[in-house]
Amino acid sequence: MIYVMSDLHGDYEKYTKMLDLIEFSDDDTLYILGDVVDRGPEPMKILYDMSMRPNVIPLMGNHEHMAEHILRLTNVEITEETLSNWTEDTVRAVHEWYENGGYMTSKDFHRLTPDDREYILDYLQEFSFYEEVEAGGHSFILVHAGIPDFLPEKPLSDYHEILMLYAKTDYDRVYDPARYLVTGHIPTFTIDPACDGKIYRKNGHIAIDCGVCHGKALGCIRLDDMKEFYVT
């Protein structure tokens, strides 16, 4: 079976409860559409667990994109030489990341041993920007935020990957009649208040960020039969 979840934001407890709920096994595949880190207290435990499971496929989210860059900057001994490499833009980026939930990730990361910190940084580099999946007789595009200026005939490899982490998806538009677009990034209650804490499915879209970091449910969908699962 093929499962998809997104935007865990450091909530290790809900992550492990979801694995138990779906009875995740070595015969299954789980895609996680980014934003595993930031805001919640235990992102490193989730990343470690994911990294030990070859059937968990991680996709990059905007929070991983920010975190990987800044954690590398700060994963050095602080000296006059290293500080001289910091610009105003660097300081601004670190401040913005901290304000956007990065402080929790940084705190958790710097508790690790040096070897474990390198392991996590190497793992983050393995995250893909998109995946194409076939399941249950349907075709799916998996991406964290969206695909700007999408054209069905245009190969996904031709799009700017970084924009896939930040793009604003138009959920009123059918992007591709032949494929579902599965996204996280935007909590579903902001797409449609009727989907508060629930997966949004309409116009060829499946939006699965149910708002964990807002105290709402973690959602997961099984693509083989479109069954939805929730941990509150």
Protein backbone atom coordinates (compact mmCIF):
# COMPACT_ATOMS: atom_id res chain seq x y z
CA MET A 1 0.00 0.00 0.00
CA ILE A 2 1.10 3.57 -0.69
CA TYR A 3 0.54 6.26 1.93
CA VAL A 4 1.15 10.02 1.96
CA MET A 5 1.39 12.46 4.86
CA SER A 6 2.89 15.92 5.27
CA ASP A 7 3.78 18.79 7.61
CA LEU A 8 4.62 16.84 10.75
CA HIS A 9 6.41 19.87 12.23
CA GLY A 10 8.28 17.99 14.93
CA ASP A 11 5.28 16.13 16.36
CA TYR A 12 6.93 12.75 16.88
CA GLU A 13 4.03 11.43 18.96
CA LYS A 14 1.45 11.93 16.21
CA TYR A 15 3.88 10.55 13.64
CA THR A 16 4.37 7.27 15.52
CA LYS A 17 0.67 7.00 16.31
CA MET A 18 -0.10 7.36 12.60
CA LEU A 19 2.36 4.59 11.72
CA ASP A 20 0.55 2.36 14.21
CA LEU A 21 -2.89 3.39 12.93
CA ILE A 22 -2.10 2.53 9.31
CA GLU A 23 -0.25 -0.61 10.43
CA PHE A 24 2.73 0.50 8.38
CA SER A 25 4.86 -2.48 7.32
CA ASP A 26 7.93 -3.24 5.24
CA ASP A 27 5.60 -4.03 2.32
CA ASP A 28 4.17 -0.49 2.31
CA THR A 29 5.56 2.80 1.03
CA LEU A 30 5.14 6.14 2.76
CA TYR A 31 5.78 9.49 1.10
CA ILE A 32 6.24 12.47 3.43
CA LEU A 33 5.78 15.77 1.62
CA GLY A 34 8.12 17.94 3.66
CA ASP A 35 7.98 20.25 6.68
CA VAL A 36 8.99 17.50 9.06
CA VAL A 37 10.99 20.08 11.02
CA ASP A 38 10.35 23.39 12.87
CA ARG A 39 7.78 24.51 15.42
CA GLY A 40 7.35 21.17 17.19
CA PRO A 41 9.72 19.76 19.83
CA GLU A 42 11.14 16.52 18.34
CA PRO A 43 12.03 16.88 14.65
CA MET A 44 15.31 14.96 15.01
CA LYS A 45 13.53 11.85 16.30
CA ILE A 46 11.24 11.89 13.28
CA LEU A 47 14.13 12.37 10.86
CA TYR A 48 16.08 9.52 12.46
CA ASP A 49 13.10 7.19 12.25
CA MET A 50 12.45 8.13 8.62
CA SER A 51 16.10 7.67 7.69
CA MET A 52 16.11 4.11 9.05
CA ARG A 53 13.15 3.08 6.88
CA PRO A 54 14.02 2.50 3.20
CA ASN A 55 10.31 2.50 2.34
CA VAL A 56 9.80 6.06 3.63
CA ILE A 57 10.39 8.53 0.79
CA PRO A 58 11.06 12.09 1.99
CA LEU A 59 10.26 15.18 -0.06
CA MET A 60 11.74 18.60 0.60
CA GLY A 61 9.57 21.26 2.21
CA ASN A 62 10.30 24.94 2.59
CA HIS A 63 11.16 24.37 6.25
CA GLU A 64 13.78 21.72 5.37
CA HIS A 65 15.15 24.07 2.73
CA MET A 66 15.64 26.80 5.33
CA ALA A 67 16.82 24.47 8.08
CA GLU A 68 19.45 22.60 6.06
CA HIS A 69 21.11 25.84 4.97
CA ILE A 70 21.18 27.47 8.40
CA LEU A 71 22.09 24.33 10.36
CA ARG A 72 25.15 23.96 8.16
CA LEU A 73 26.11 27.56 8.90
CA THR A 74 25.80 27.04 12.63
CA ASN A 75 27.30 23.53 12.74
CA VAL A 76 30.82 24.92 13.12
CA GLU A 77 33.01 26.16 15.91
CA ILE A 78 32.31 29.84 16.50
CA THR A 79 35.49 31.79 15.82
CA GLU A 80 36.33 35.25 14.51
CA GLU A 81 36.94 33.68 11.11
CA THR A 82 33.58 31.90 10.91
CA LEU A 83 31.74 34.97 12.17
CA SER A 84 33.45 37.10 9.51
CA ASN A 85 31.63 35.04 6.87
CA TRP A 86 28.24 36.16 8.20
CA THR A 87 26.60 39.02 6.33
CA GLU A 88 23.53 41.07 7.20
CA ASP A 89 21.57 38.77 4.89
CA THR A 90 22.82 35.74 6.83
CA VAL A 91 21.78 37.23 10.16
CA ARG A 92 18.40 38.18 8.71
CA ALA A 93 17.86 34.66 7.33
CA VAL A 94 18.70 33.06 10.68
CA HIS A 95 16.37 35.45 12.50
CA GLU A 96 13.51 34.80 10.07
CA TRP A 97 13.97 31.04 10.37
CA TYR A 98 13.97 31.20 14.15
CA GLU A 99 10.83 33.33 14.08
CA ASN A 100 9.20 30.77 11.77
CA GLY A 101 9.74 27.84 14.13
CA GLY A 102 13.39 27.14 13.46
CA TYR A 103 14.44 27.71 17.06
CA MET A 104 12.96 24.37 18.09
CA THR A 105 14.80 22.56 15.30
CA SER A 106 18.08 24.28 16.09
CA LYS A 107 17.75 23.44 19.77
CA ASP A 108 17.00 19.77 19.01
CA PHE A 109 19.77 19.55 16.39
CA HIS A 110 22.49 20.96 18.63
CA ARG A 111 21.74 18.37 21.31
CA LEU A 112 23.08 15.72 18.93
CA THR A 113 26.66 14.51 18.78
CA PRO A 114 28.81 15.95 15.96
CA ASP A 115 28.56 12.67 14.02
CA ASP A 116 24.78 12.58 14.40
CA ARG A 117 24.50 16.19 13.24
CA GLU A 118 26.43 15.32 10.07
CA TYR A 119 24.21 12.29 9.57
CA ILE A 120 21.07 14.44 9.71
CA LEU A 121 22.51 17.05 7.34
CA ASP A 122 23.47 14.34 4.86
CA TYR A 123 19.99 12.83 5.11
CA LEU A 124 18.31 16.16 4.38
CA GLN A 125 20.25 16.32 1.14
CA GLU A 126 18.54 13.11 0.01
CA PHE A 127 15.08 14.71 -0.01
CA SER A 128 13.50 14.92 -3.45
CA PHE A 129 11.47 17.86 -4.73
CA TYR A 130 8.68 15.87 -6.35
CA GLU A 131 7.57 12.32 -7.05
CA GLU A 132 5.24 10.75 -9.61
CA VAL A 133 3.25 7.77 -8.35
CA GLU A 134 0.79 5.24 -9.76
CA ALA A 135 -1.66 3.60 -7.37
CA GLY A 136 -5.19 2.21 -7.49
CA GLY A 137 -5.48 2.88 -11.21
CA HIS A 138 -4.73 6.59 -10.77
CA SER A 139 -1.71 8.84 -11.36
CA PHE A 140 -0.43 11.30 -8.77
CA ILE A 141 2.07 14.15 -8.61
CA LEU A 142 3.46 14.63 -5.11
CA VAL A 143 5.02 17.96 -4.20
CA HIS A 144 5.29 20.06 -1.04
CA ALA A 145 3.62 23.35 -2.01
CA GLY A 146 2.74 23.37 -5.70
CA ILE A 147 3.92 23.78 -9.26
CA PRO A 148 3.87 27.35 -10.60
CA ASP A 149 2.65 27.92 -14.16
CA PHE A 150 1.77 24.24 -14.48
CA LEU A 151 1.19 22.73 -17.91
CA PRO A 152 0.19 19.03 -18.14
CA GLU A 153 2.50 18.44 -21.11
CA LYS A 154 5.56 19.99 -19.45
CA PRO A 155 7.96 17.52 -17.75
CA LEU A 156 8.30 18.09 -14.01
CA SER A 157 12.07 18.18 -14.40
CA ASP A 158 11.70 21.43 -16.38
CA TYR A 159 10.25 23.36 -13.43
CA HIS A 160 12.29 25.37 -10.93
CA GLU A 161 12.55 22.99 -7.97
CA ILE A 162 12.87 25.65 -5.25
CA LEU A 163 9.62 27.25 -6.38
CA MET A 164 7.86 23.92 -5.72
CA LEU A 165 8.54 24.53 -2.02
CA TYR A 166 6.85 27.92 -1.89
CA ALA A 167 4.39 28.07 -4.81
CA LYS A 168 0.80 29.05 -4.11
CA THR A 169 -1.55 26.39 -5.45
CA ASP A 170 -4.88 27.43 -6.93
CA TYR A 171 -7.23 24.84 -5.47
CA ASP A 172 -10.11 26.07 -7.65
CA ARG A 173 -8.21 25.08 -10.79
CA VAL A 174 -7.92 21.60 -12.27
CA TYR A 175 -4.20 21.37 -13.04
CA ASP A 176 -4.22 18.06 -14.92
CA PRO A 177 -7.36 16.04 -15.73
CA ALA A 178 -5.24 12.88 -15.89
CA ARG A 179 -3.37 13.25 -12.59
CA TYR A 180 -4.07 14.22 -9.00
CA LEU A 181 -1.87 16.91 -7.47
CA VAL A 182 -1.07 16.00 -3.85
CA THR A 183 0.30 18.85 -1.71
CA GLY A 184 1.01 19.90 1.86
CA HIS A 185 2.23 23.34 2.96
CA ILE A 186 -1.15 25.08 3.29
CA PRO A 187 -3.36 24.00 6.22
CA THR A 188 -6.61 22.73 4.80
CA PHE A 189 -8.79 24.89 7.07
CA THR A 190 -7.42 27.92 5.20
CA ILE A 191 -8.43 26.38 1.86
CA ASP A 192 -11.95 25.50 2.95
CA PRO A 193 -13.26 25.98 6.53
CA ALA A 194 -15.37 22.85 6.02
CA CYS A 195 -12.11 20.87 5.92
CA ASP A 196 -10.93 22.02 9.34
CA GLY A 197 -8.58 19.25 10.50
CA LYS A 198 -9.44 17.12 7.46
CA ILE A 199 -7.92 16.32 4.07
CA TYR A 200 -9.16 18.53 1.21
CA ARG A 201 -10.17 16.74 -2.02
CA LYS A 202 -11.57 18.74 -4.91
CA ASN A 203 -10.76 19.76 -8.51
CA GLY A 204 -8.09 17.10 -8.85
CA HIS A 205 -6.33 18.26 -5.68
CA ILE A 206 -5.55 16.33 -2.52
CA ALA A 207 -4.27 18.72 0.17
CA ILE A 208 -3.06 16.87 3.25
CA ASP A 209 -1.65 19.46 5.68
CA CYS A 210 -4.41 19.22 8.26
CA GLY A 211 -2.76 21.69 10.63
CA VAL A 212 -0.67 19.71 13.11
CA CYS A 213 1.27 22.81 14.14
CA HIS A 214 -2.04 24.56 14.83
CA GLY A 215 -3.11 21.87 17.28
CA LYS A 216 -5.20 20.02 14.73
CA ALA A 217 -5.02 16.50 13.29
CA LEU A 218 -2.30 14.71 11.41
CA GLY A 219 -3.81 13.38 8.22
CA CYS A 220 -2.67 10.54 5.99
CA ILE A 221 -4.17 9.17 2.77
CA ARG A 222 -3.76 5.73 1.24
CA LEU A 223 -3.55 6.25 -2.51
CA ASP A 224 -4.58 2.71 -3.42
CA ASP A 225 -8.17 3.27 -2.28
CA MET A 226 -8.19 6.93 -1.13
CA LYS A 227 -8.92 5.96 2.47
CA GLU A 228 -8.14 8.75 4.95
CA PHE A 229 -6.61 8.33 8.40
CA TYR A 230 -6.38 10.85 11.25
CA VAL A 231 -4.53 11.19 14.53
CA THR A 232 -5.72 13.98 16.83
